[in-house]
Every structure is written in C-alpha cells, then in structure tokens.
Amino acid sequence: MLHHIGLIAGAALVTGTGGNLLFFAVGLLFSIPLLRRPHRKFHTWRAPAVALVVFTAPFSRSAFVIGSALAGDSGPDQEPSTPTQTPTEYHGGHHGG
C-alpha cells in the first residue's frame, strides 16, 4: 500500500494553492533568462520588475479566481449547496416516530 503514497502526494502537491504556487515558481525560474534581456537593454531592474507584474497578474487571476470558479470551490462565506441532515433528525426518522 505504501507504494501509492507517491501518486497521492504528487496529486495533492499539484492541486489547489500549493500546485499553483509550485507552477508559478517553475514559471518564474524559467523566465529568468528572458528577464535578463530587458535588464541588459535598459540597465535597470525596473523593466524586469514590470515584466514580472505583467506575468504575475494574469497567472494569479487565472489560477485563483477563474480556476476556483470553474472548480466550484465554495469560499468561507458561502453556505454548502446541499442541505445536510442532523443525526437527531435521521435517528428519529428511521424508527418510525
């Protein structure tokens, strides 16, 4: 049974906020060579900083706003969509009275 833990841990790692942050970090790492070009051209770190903001804004919107809406995640302020039955209601119902 322990040989499945790798798959379960991998799935848990790439879903949700942790996975989004992981993919953001990988994207940031791979964009370093591209961020060095504007730094060399303008001789300042402002241009790469603007490029990072341009990269981060749509990624964050896609990952945390649109992705959550498509997945149907309910936030802390929302009620569950299906009504739940309390144990006392169920207990009285199956005894007929």
Protein backbone atom coordinates (compact mmCIF):
# COMPACT_ATOMS: atom_id res chain seq x y z
CA MET A 1 0.00 0.00 0.00
CA LEU A 2 2.86 2.42 0.66
CA HIS A 3 3.90 2.41 -3.00
CA HIS A 4 0.78 4.51 -3.75
CA ILE A 5 1.84 7.36 -1.49
CA GLY A 6 3.97 8.88 -4.25
CA LEU A 7 0.96 9.22 -6.54
CA ILE A 8 -1.25 10.57 -3.77
CA ALA A 9 1.39 13.04 -2.59
CA GLY A 10 2.02 14.13 -6.18
CA ALA A 11 -1.67 14.71 -6.81
CA ALA A 12 -2.01 16.66 -3.57
CA LEU A 13 1.02 18.76 -4.48
CA VAL A 14 -0.23 19.90 -7.90
CA THR A 15 -3.81 20.65 -6.91
CA GLY A 16 -5.04 23.73 -5.15
CA THR A 17 -3.00 26.65 -3.94
CA GLY A 18 0.16 24.60 -3.41
CA GLY A 19 0.18 23.44 -7.01
CA ASN A 20 -0.50 26.93 -8.31
CA LEU A 21 2.40 28.31 -6.28
CA LEU A 22 4.63 25.47 -7.46
CA PHE A 23 3.84 26.18 -11.12
CA PHE A 24 4.32 29.91 -10.54
CA ALA A 25 7.77 29.25 -9.07
CA VAL A 26 8.70 26.99 -12.00
CA GLY A 27 7.48 29.63 -14.46
CA LEU A 28 9.46 32.30 -12.65
CA LEU A 29 12.58 30.14 -12.69
CA PHE A 30 12.26 29.50 -16.43
CA SER A 31 11.65 33.19 -17.13
CA ILE A 32 14.95 34.36 -15.59
CA PRO A 33 16.82 34.27 -18.93
CA LEU A 34 14.02 36.29 -20.53
CA LEU A 35 14.06 38.81 -17.66
CA ARG A 36 17.78 39.40 -18.13
CA ARG A 37 17.21 40.81 -21.65
CA PRO A 38 15.29 43.92 -20.57
CA HIS A 39 17.75 44.38 -17.71
CA ARG A 40 20.64 44.49 -20.20
CA LYS A 41 18.74 46.74 -22.59
CA PHE A 42 17.52 49.36 -20.06
CA HIS A 43 20.31 48.94 -17.44
CA THR A 44 17.79 48.89 -14.62
CA TRP A 45 15.74 46.29 -12.75
CA ARG A 46 12.52 48.26 -13.28
CA ALA A 47 11.85 46.73 -16.69
CA PRO A 48 12.12 43.13 -15.45
CA ALA A 49 10.00 44.06 -12.42
CA VAL A 50 7.27 45.37 -14.72
CA ALA A 51 7.54 42.17 -16.75
CA LEU A 52 7.10 40.14 -13.56
CA VAL A 53 3.95 42.08 -12.68
CA VAL A 54 2.63 41.52 -16.19
CA PHE A 55 3.36 37.79 -15.78
CA THR A 56 2.00 37.51 -12.23
CA ALA A 57 -1.29 39.36 -12.65
CA PRO A 58 -2.88 37.12 -15.32
CA PHE A 59 -1.42 33.98 -13.75
CA SER A 60 -2.92 34.84 -10.36
CA ARG A 61 -6.29 35.73 -11.87
CA SER A 62 -6.36 32.53 -13.88
CA ALA A 63 -5.19 30.30 -11.05
CA PHE A 64 -7.07 31.69 -8.08
CA VAL A 65 -10.18 33.39 -9.49
CA ILE A 66 -11.12 31.64 -12.72
CA GLY A 67 -9.81 28.23 -11.63
CA SER A 68 -11.75 28.37 -8.38
CA ALA A 69 -14.92 29.42 -10.19
CA LEU A 70 -14.61 26.56 -12.68
CA ALA A 71 -13.89 24.03 -9.94
CA GLY A 72 -16.89 25.22 -7.95
CA ASP A 73 -14.91 25.77 -4.77
CA SER A 74 -17.05 27.35 -2.10
CA GLY A 75 -15.42 30.10 -0.12
CA PRO A 76 -15.64 30.50 3.64
CA ASP A 77 -18.56 32.94 3.30
CA GLN A 78 -20.73 30.61 1.23
CA GLU A 79 -23.13 28.04 2.59
CA PRO A 80 -22.91 24.44 1.33
CA SER A 81 -25.12 23.91 -1.69
CA THR A 82 -26.70 20.68 -0.41
CA PRO A 83 -28.69 20.63 2.82
CA THR A 84 -27.33 18.34 5.47
CA GLN A 85 -29.36 16.25 7.85
CA THR A 86 -28.52 16.31 11.54
CA PRO A 87 -28.04 12.97 13.31
CA THR A 88 -31.07 13.55 15.57
CA GLU A 89 -33.39 14.08 12.59
CA TYR A 90 -32.14 10.90 10.95
CA HIS A 91 -32.31 8.86 14.13
CA GLY A 92 -35.95 9.72 14.76
CA GLY A 93 -36.87 9.12 11.12
CA HIS A 94 -35.77 5.52 10.81
CA HIS A 95 -37.59 4.35 13.93
CA GLY A 96 -40.95 5.45 12.60
CA GLY A 97 -41.75 8.05 15.11
